[in-house]
Amino acid sequence: MPRQPGLSARLKLTLSYAGIVVVAGAVLLAVAWWYLLRYLPDNDKGLLFVSPNRYLLSRIFGRAAAVAMAGLVAFGLLGGWLLAGRMLAPLDKIADAARLAAQGSLSHRIRLPGRSDEFRELSDVFDTMLEKLESHVAEQRRFAANASHELRTPLAISQSLLDVARQDPFSVNADLIDRLHTASRRAIDLTEALLLLSRGERGTFTREPVDLSLVAEEAAETLLPQAEKRGITLDVTGVPATTTGSPELLLRMVTNLVQNAVVHNVPGGTVTVHIEPQHQACVVRVENTGRPLPPHLVPTLVEPFQRGGDRVRSEDHAGVGLGLAIVHSVVRAHDGALDVAARPGGGLRVTIRLPGV
């Protein structure tokens, strides 16, 4: 924002240091003058006696006091300027790092040496901010690249199918229409998922009390036909647990978890959804059976377009690779915590903690 020109911080500190030195010196000289003159006789006629008197001492001491004050002013300004420059030197490094960050370079770190103080604490906080910002920007770049790749496939298929239909406009090919419909449906689903993920990242929604047990029951009721089709047992347990947030986003969060547990399962498997309040928090735990997962694969499941390698998926739901990524986004937007762990016997255990009411 535009500002009026003003004094620099170094000049302000210099004047402050010099002012303190001058005031302290003036007080010291005034006290010395007062103590010296109060015990000496007064000489109203201006005659010089052998013994000191107030007139003689005031003339001698007055000149010395004026010289001392001038020296104090010069010393205060010079010393204050040097001291302020030394004290503010870390701010110059922080300002240089901020300028580099403003130009797009996020890899620079300040790393001020020395023991902890206010400036070094500020430097450490700034370095941490740069590290998180660099990680966030890198994540966004990967997301944009993956989104472009994922969108390119269904759009390219649609374009190819349309080219085939254009070459033979009088032919009605039901298989061609079905494939075109499937590709278009996938592109639409992916676009809606990207919009939902973006909404969760922004956190722009109205908060209201939400009972997660009712949300879990609604999600389970919606996905029950899909679970029964694969012979999977879907069970919802727990007690009412109320949090604050967006009912729509929280429903999508639980729905994605349950759908993920149903899709990435084995025929005849189980899915368990458990809701409970716990230590001023609401806990949502979704477990499913399935194939064993490698430990290195589990942390990547919440990243966009990560489908878990060879995890089992149903033929009627290929997915767009954003299920757990959307869950992670909604959890963060609601100030919660997400934990994803592989079950010893196979499958996945996802635990969400949201602030309770």
Protein backbone atom coordinates (compact mmCIF):
# COMPACT_ATOMS: atom_id res chain seq x y z
CA MET A 1 0.00 0.00 0.00
CA PRO A 2 1.30 3.54 -0.67
CA ARG A 3 2.79 5.30 2.35
CA GLN A 4 4.18 8.76 3.09
CA PRO A 5 7.99 8.88 3.39
CA GLY A 6 9.27 8.77 6.95
CA LEU A 7 12.34 8.21 9.07
CA SER A 8 14.10 4.89 8.86
CA ALA A 9 14.09 2.51 11.82
CA ARG A 10 17.86 2.94 12.15
CA LEU A 11 17.58 6.74 12.38
CA LYS A 12 14.74 6.46 14.90
CA LEU A 13 16.81 4.12 17.06
CA THR A 14 19.82 6.42 16.71
CA LEU A 15 17.85 9.43 17.90
CA SER A 16 16.40 7.38 20.73
CA TYR A 17 19.83 6.20 21.90
CA ALA A 18 21.29 9.68 21.59
CA GLY A 19 18.32 11.20 23.44
CA ILE A 20 18.73 8.76 26.32
CA VAL A 21 22.48 9.50 26.56
CA VAL A 22 21.91 13.26 26.46
CA VAL A 23 19.14 13.19 29.05
CA ALA A 24 21.15 10.94 31.35
CA GLY A 25 24.19 13.21 30.98
CA ALA A 26 22.13 16.33 31.60
CA VAL A 27 20.65 14.85 34.74
CA LEU A 28 24.09 13.81 35.95
CA LEU A 29 25.55 17.28 35.33
CA ALA A 30 22.56 18.96 36.96
CA VAL A 31 22.88 16.80 40.07
CA ALA A 32 26.64 17.43 40.25
CA TRP A 33 26.13 21.16 39.77
CA TRP A 34 23.46 21.31 42.45
CA TYR A 35 25.53 19.39 45.01
CA LEU A 36 28.65 21.47 44.36
CA LEU A 37 27.01 24.91 44.40
CA ARG A 38 24.88 24.37 47.49
CA TYR A 39 27.96 24.14 49.76
CA LEU A 40 29.84 27.14 48.35
CA PRO A 41 29.39 30.78 49.42
CA ASP A 42 27.73 33.19 47.01
CA ASN A 43 29.69 36.13 45.54
CA ASP A 44 27.18 38.74 44.43
CA LYS A 45 29.85 41.37 43.68
CA GLY A 46 31.83 39.17 41.34
CA LEU A 47 35.05 39.51 43.40
CA LEU A 48 37.59 36.73 43.17
CA PHE A 49 38.61 35.21 46.48
CA VAL A 50 41.31 32.72 47.18
CA SER A 51 38.77 30.10 48.17
CA PRO A 52 36.28 28.81 45.49
CA ASN A 53 32.87 30.40 45.35
CA ARG A 54 29.69 29.92 43.30
CA TYR A 55 30.56 32.62 40.79
CA LEU A 56 33.99 31.19 40.03
CA LEU A 57 32.78 27.59 39.95
CA SER A 58 29.77 28.39 37.72
CA ARG A 59 32.01 30.04 35.14
CA ILE A 60 34.53 27.18 35.12
CA PHE A 61 32.06 24.33 35.51
CA GLY A 62 29.58 25.85 33.07
CA ARG A 63 32.04 25.79 30.18
CA ALA A 64 33.08 22.23 31.03
CA ALA A 65 29.44 21.17 31.26
CA ALA A 66 28.69 22.66 27.81
CA VAL A 67 31.67 20.83 26.28
CA ALA A 68 30.61 17.59 27.99
CA MET A 69 27.04 17.93 26.69
CA ALA A 70 28.31 18.53 23.16
CA GLY A 71 30.49 15.45 23.47
CA LEU A 72 27.56 13.42 24.79
CA VAL A 73 25.42 14.47 21.83
CA ALA A 74 28.13 13.52 19.33
CA PHE A 75 28.88 10.26 21.14
CA GLY A 76 25.17 9.40 21.41
CA LEU A 77 24.55 10.00 17.70
CA LEU A 78 27.63 8.13 16.49
CA GLY A 79 27.31 5.28 18.96
CA GLY A 80 23.57 5.03 18.42
CA TRP A 81 24.01 4.90 14.64
CA LEU A 82 26.61 2.11 14.84
CA LEU A 83 24.69 0.18 17.49
CA ALA A 84 21.39 0.48 15.61
CA GLY A 85 23.06 -0.74 12.41
CA ARG A 86 24.48 -3.75 14.22
CA MET A 87 21.18 -4.55 15.92
CA LEU A 88 19.14 -4.20 12.72
CA ALA A 89 21.52 -6.19 10.50
CA PRO A 90 19.41 -9.39 10.80
CA LEU A 91 16.40 -7.47 9.49
CA ASP A 92 18.33 -6.70 6.30
CA LYS A 93 18.83 -10.43 5.71
CA ILE A 94 15.16 -11.12 6.39
CA ALA A 95 14.18 -8.31 4.00
CA ASP A 96 16.47 -9.72 1.29
CA ALA A 97 14.86 -13.15 1.71
CA ALA A 98 11.41 -11.59 1.48
CA ARG A 99 12.36 -9.81 -1.76
CA LEU A 100 13.62 -13.08 -3.25
CA ALA A 101 10.39 -14.80 -2.22
CA ALA A 102 8.36 -11.99 -3.81
CA GLN A 103 10.29 -12.59 -7.05
CA GLY A 104 9.33 -16.27 -6.99
CA SER A 105 12.44 -17.81 -5.41
CA LEU A 106 11.22 -19.91 -2.47
CA SER A 107 14.32 -22.07 -2.02
CA HIS A 108 16.30 -19.35 -0.21
CA ARG A 109 16.66 -19.70 3.59
CA ILE A 110 17.92 -17.10 6.09
CA ARG A 111 19.36 -19.40 8.80
CA LEU A 112 20.67 -16.69 11.11
CA PRO A 113 23.53 -17.98 13.31
CA GLY A 114 23.82 -17.30 17.02
CA ARG A 115 21.74 -17.79 20.12
CA SER A 116 18.00 -17.36 20.22
CA ASP A 117 16.52 -13.86 20.36
CA GLU A 118 13.61 -11.98 18.79
CA PHE A 119 15.32 -11.56 15.41
CA ARG A 120 16.45 -15.18 15.19
CA GLU A 121 12.99 -16.35 16.21
CA LEU A 122 11.54 -14.21 13.41
CA SER A 123 14.12 -15.68 11.03
CA ASP A 124 13.21 -19.25 12.00
CA VAL A 125 9.49 -18.53 11.58
CA PHE A 126 10.15 -16.98 8.16
CA ASP A 127 12.25 -19.99 7.10
CA THR A 128 9.47 -22.33 8.20
CA MET A 129 6.93 -20.28 6.25
CA LEU A 130 9.13 -20.39 3.14
CA GLU A 131 9.55 -24.15 3.48
CA LYS A 132 5.81 -24.75 3.75
CA LEU A 133 5.09 -22.31 0.95
CA GLU A 134 7.62 -23.99 -1.33
CA SER A 135 6.11 -27.38 -0.52
CA HIS A 136 2.60 -26.05 -1.18
CA VAL A 137 3.60 -24.52 -4.52
CA ALA A 138 5.31 -27.75 -5.57
CA GLU A 139 2.20 -29.69 -4.59
CA GLN A 140 0.01 -27.34 -6.60
CA ARG A 141 2.26 -27.71 -9.63
CA ARG A 142 2.10 -31.49 -9.40
CA PHE A 143 -1.66 -31.26 -8.98
CA ALA A 144 -2.03 -29.06 -12.07
CA ALA A 145 0.14 -31.41 -14.11
CA ASN A 146 -1.77 -34.48 -12.95
CA ALA A 147 -5.14 -32.77 -13.52
CA SER A 148 -4.14 -31.85 -17.05
CA HIS A 149 -3.08 -35.43 -17.68
CA GLU A 150 -6.27 -36.90 -16.21
CA LEU A 151 -8.53 -34.53 -18.13
CA ARG A 152 -6.67 -35.08 -21.39
CA THR A 153 -7.55 -38.80 -21.51
CA PRO A 154 -11.39 -38.64 -21.45
CA LEU A 155 -11.41 -35.55 -23.66
CA ALA A 156 -9.15 -37.26 -26.20
CA ILE A 157 -11.41 -40.33 -26.18
CA SER A 158 -14.47 -38.14 -26.71
CA GLN A 159 -12.74 -36.37 -29.57
CA SER A 160 -11.82 -39.66 -31.23
CA LEU A 161 -15.35 -41.01 -30.89
CA LEU A 162 -16.79 -37.82 -32.33
CA ASP A 163 -14.40 -38.08 -35.29
CA VAL A 164 -15.62 -41.60 -35.95
CA ALA A 165 -19.26 -40.50 -35.75
CA ARG A 166 -18.57 -37.56 -38.08
CA GLN A 167 -17.18 -39.85 -40.75
CA ASP A 168 -20.42 -41.87 -40.79
CA PRO A 169 -23.22 -39.50 -39.70
CA PHE A 170 -26.00 -41.84 -40.94
CA SER A 171 -24.87 -44.78 -38.84
CA VAL A 172 -26.32 -45.22 -35.36
CA ASN A 173 -23.74 -47.06 -33.31
CA ALA A 174 -25.04 -47.84 -29.82
CA ASP A 175 -21.61 -48.99 -28.60
CA LEU A 176 -20.04 -45.76 -29.84
CA ILE A 177 -22.68 -43.68 -28.05
CA ASP A 178 -22.20 -45.64 -24.82
CA ARG A 179 -18.43 -45.16 -24.92
CA LEU A 180 -18.84 -41.47 -25.65
CA HIS A 181 -21.30 -41.15 -22.78
CA THR A 182 -18.87 -42.93 -20.43
CA ALA A 183 -15.96 -40.68 -21.42
CA SER A 184 -18.08 -37.55 -21.03
CA ARG A 185 -19.38 -38.75 -17.68
CA ARG A 186 -15.82 -39.32 -16.48
CA ALA A 187 -14.75 -35.83 -17.57
CA ILE A 188 -17.76 -34.32 -15.77
CA ASP A 189 -17.06 -36.33 -12.60
CA LEU A 190 -13.43 -35.27 -12.66
CA THR A 191 -14.36 -31.61 -13.14
CA GLU A 192 -16.85 -31.73 -10.26
CA ALA A 193 -14.27 -33.42 -8.05
CA LEU A 194 -11.70 -30.74 -8.89
CA LEU A 195 -14.20 -28.00 -8.03
CA LEU A 196 -15.04 -29.70 -4.74
CA LEU A 197 -11.34 -30.10 -3.92
CA SER A 198 -10.77 -26.41 -4.66
CA ARG A 199 -13.71 -25.44 -2.45
CA GLY A 200 -12.35 -27.50 0.41
CA GLU A 201 -8.88 -25.94 0.04
CA ARG A 202 -10.33 -22.40 0.19
CA GLY A 203 -12.47 -23.16 3.24
CA THR A 204 -15.22 -20.79 2.04
CA PHE A 205 -18.36 -22.26 3.55
CA THR A 206 -20.88 -21.54 6.27
CA ARG A 207 -20.37 -23.50 9.49
CA GLU A 208 -23.23 -25.06 11.42
CA PRO A 209 -23.64 -27.95 13.88
CA VAL A 210 -23.51 -31.34 12.16
CA ASP A 211 -24.15 -34.74 13.74
CA LEU A 212 -21.58 -37.04 12.15
CA SER A 213 -23.53 -40.17 13.12
CA LEU A 214 -26.43 -39.03 10.92
CA VAL A 215 -23.99 -38.16 8.14
CA ALA A 216 -22.47 -41.66 8.35
CA GLU A 217 -25.89 -43.30 8.22
CA GLU A 218 -26.86 -41.25 5.15
CA ALA A 219 -23.62 -42.12 3.36
CA ALA A 220 -24.00 -45.80 4.20
CA GLU A 221 -27.61 -45.83 2.99
CA THR A 222 -26.55 -44.28 -0.31
CA LEU A 223 -23.76 -46.79 -0.91
CA LEU A 224 -25.56 -49.86 0.44
CA PRO A 225 -26.73 -51.04 -3.03
CA GLN A 226 -23.17 -50.88 -4.36
CA ALA A 227 -21.89 -52.81 -1.31
CA GLU A 228 -24.60 -55.47 -1.63
CA LYS A 229 -23.82 -55.87 -5.34
CA ARG A 230 -20.29 -56.91 -4.42
CA GLY A 231 -21.35 -58.95 -1.41
CA ILE A 232 -19.70 -56.56 1.05
CA THR A 233 -21.08 -56.13 4.56
CA LEU A 234 -21.48 -52.45 5.46
CA ASP A 235 -21.88 -51.69 9.17
CA VAL A 236 -22.29 -48.31 10.94
CA THR A 237 -21.70 -48.14 14.71
CA GLY A 238 -21.17 -45.52 17.38
CA VAL A 239 -23.05 -42.72 19.11
CA PRO A 240 -23.99 -39.14 18.10
CA ALA A 241 -21.00 -36.80 17.76
CA THR A 242 -21.53 -33.17 16.78
CA THR A 243 -19.02 -30.91 15.08
CA THR A 244 -19.32 -27.59 13.24
CA GLY A 245 -18.85 -27.24 9.51
CA SER A 246 -20.46 -27.66 6.13
CA PRO A 247 -23.04 -30.47 6.04
CA GLU A 248 -22.47 -30.92 2.31
CA LEU A 249 -18.69 -31.19 2.57
CA LEU A 250 -18.81 -33.45 5.62
CA LEU A 251 -21.30 -35.73 3.85
CA ARG A 252 -18.99 -35.88 0.82
CA MET A 253 -16.06 -36.62 3.14
CA VAL A 254 -17.75 -39.62 4.77
CA THR A 255 -19.25 -40.75 1.45
CA ASN A 256 -15.84 -40.74 -0.20
CA LEU A 257 -14.38 -42.74 2.69
CA VAL A 258 -17.11 -45.37 2.58
CA GLN A 259 -17.07 -45.52 -1.22
CA ASN A 260 -13.31 -45.90 -1.19
CA ALA A 261 -13.65 -48.72 1.36
CA VAL A 262 -16.27 -50.48 -0.78
CA VAL A 263 -14.50 -50.06 -4.12
CA HIS A 264 -11.04 -51.05 -2.88
CA ASN A 265 -12.20 -54.25 -1.23
CA VAL A 266 -12.44 -57.94 -1.93
CA PRO A 267 -15.66 -59.82 -2.74
CA GLY A 268 -17.40 -60.80 0.49
CA GLY A 269 -15.37 -58.28 2.52
CA THR A 270 -16.50 -55.89 5.24
CA VAL A 271 -16.63 -52.13 5.77
CA THR A 272 -17.04 -50.70 9.27
CA VAL A 273 -17.89 -47.07 10.00
CA HIS A 274 -17.57 -45.99 13.64
CA ILE A 275 -18.49 -42.58 15.08
CA GLU A 276 -17.79 -41.43 18.64
CA PRO A 277 -17.01 -38.28 20.66
CA GLN A 278 -13.58 -38.42 22.28
CA HIS A 279 -11.79 -35.78 24.39
CA GLN A 280 -13.67 -32.74 22.98
CA ALA A 281 -13.31 -34.15 19.48
CA CYS A 282 -15.39 -36.19 17.05
CA VAL A 283 -13.77 -39.35 15.72
CA VAL A 284 -14.74 -40.95 12.42
CA ARG A 285 -13.11 -44.31 11.76
CA VAL A 286 -13.62 -46.27 8.54
CA GLU A 287 -12.04 -49.72 8.14
CA ASN A 288 -12.25 -52.15 5.27
CA THR A 289 -10.85 -55.51 4.34
CA GLY A 290 -8.73 -55.89 1.26
CA ARG A 291 -5.32 -56.80 -0.01
CA PRO A 292 -2.26 -55.93 2.10
CA LEU A 293 -0.79 -52.52 1.26
CA PRO A 294 2.96 -51.76 1.19
CA PRO A 295 3.89 -49.28 3.98
CA HIS A 296 5.50 -46.85 1.52
CA LEU A 297 2.28 -46.64 -0.49
CA VAL A 298 -0.04 -45.58 2.36
CA PRO A 299 1.15 -41.93 2.78
CA THR A 300 0.64 -41.27 -0.97
CA LEU A 301 -3.02 -42.29 -0.99
CA VAL A 302 -4.20 -38.81 0.09
CA GLU A 303 -2.40 -37.15 -2.82
CA PRO A 304 -4.46 -36.24 -5.89
CA PHE A 305 -4.73 -38.90 -8.62
CA GLN A 306 -3.12 -41.60 -6.49
CA ARG A 307 -5.14 -44.80 -6.82
CA GLY A 308 -2.98 -47.12 -4.78
CA GLY A 309 -1.25 -49.14 -7.44
CA ASP A 310 -2.85 -52.57 -7.80
CA ARG A 311 -5.63 -52.03 -5.26
CA VAL A 312 -8.82 -53.80 -6.17
CA ARG A 313 -11.48 -51.61 -7.79
CA SER A 314 -14.92 -52.34 -9.03
CA GLU A 315 -15.60 -52.31 -12.74
CA ASP A 316 -18.58 -50.00 -12.37
CA HIS A 317 -16.60 -47.30 -10.62
CA ALA A 318 -13.19 -46.52 -12.05
CA GLY A 319 -12.86 -43.38 -9.96
CA VAL A 320 -10.98 -40.20 -10.73
CA GLY A 321 -8.21 -40.53 -8.15
CA LEU A 322 -9.43 -37.70 -5.93
CA GLY A 323 -11.44 -39.57 -3.27
CA LEU A 324 -8.99 -39.43 -0.36
CA ALA A 325 -7.52 -36.15 -1.62
CA ILE A 326 -10.96 -34.55 -1.23
CA VAL A 327 -11.28 -36.15 2.21
CA HIS A 328 -7.93 -34.68 3.22
CA SER A 329 -8.94 -31.27 1.90
CA VAL A 330 -12.27 -31.27 3.78
CA VAL A 331 -10.59 -32.39 7.00
CA ARG A 332 -8.04 -29.59 6.80
CA ALA A 333 -10.75 -27.03 6.03
CA HIS A 334 -12.55 -28.14 9.23
CA ASP A 335 -9.37 -27.88 11.36
CA GLY A 336 -9.21 -31.64 11.78
CA ALA A 337 -6.59 -34.37 11.51
CA LEU A 338 -6.45 -37.34 9.15
CA ASP A 339 -4.61 -40.60 9.79
CA VAL A 340 -4.35 -43.35 7.18
CA ALA A 341 -2.90 -46.71 8.16
CA ALA A 342 -2.75 -50.16 6.62
CA ARG A 343 -4.50 -52.93 8.53
CA PRO A 344 -2.30 -55.90 9.46
CA GLY A 345 -4.63 -58.37 7.76
CA GLY A 346 -5.08 -56.25 4.64
CA GLY A 347 -7.19 -53.24 3.81
CA LEU A 348 -7.11 -49.74 5.21
CA ARG A 349 -8.00 -47.91 8.41
CA VAL A 350 -8.79 -44.20 8.07
CA THR A 351 -9.26 -42.14 11.24
CA ILE A 352 -10.50 -38.54 11.24
CA ARG A 353 -10.58 -36.22 14.26
CA LEU A 354 -12.70 -33.07 14.05
CA PRO A 355 -13.27 -30.44 16.75
CA GLY A 356 -16.32 -31.25 18.86
CA VAL A 357 -19.06 -28.91 20.02
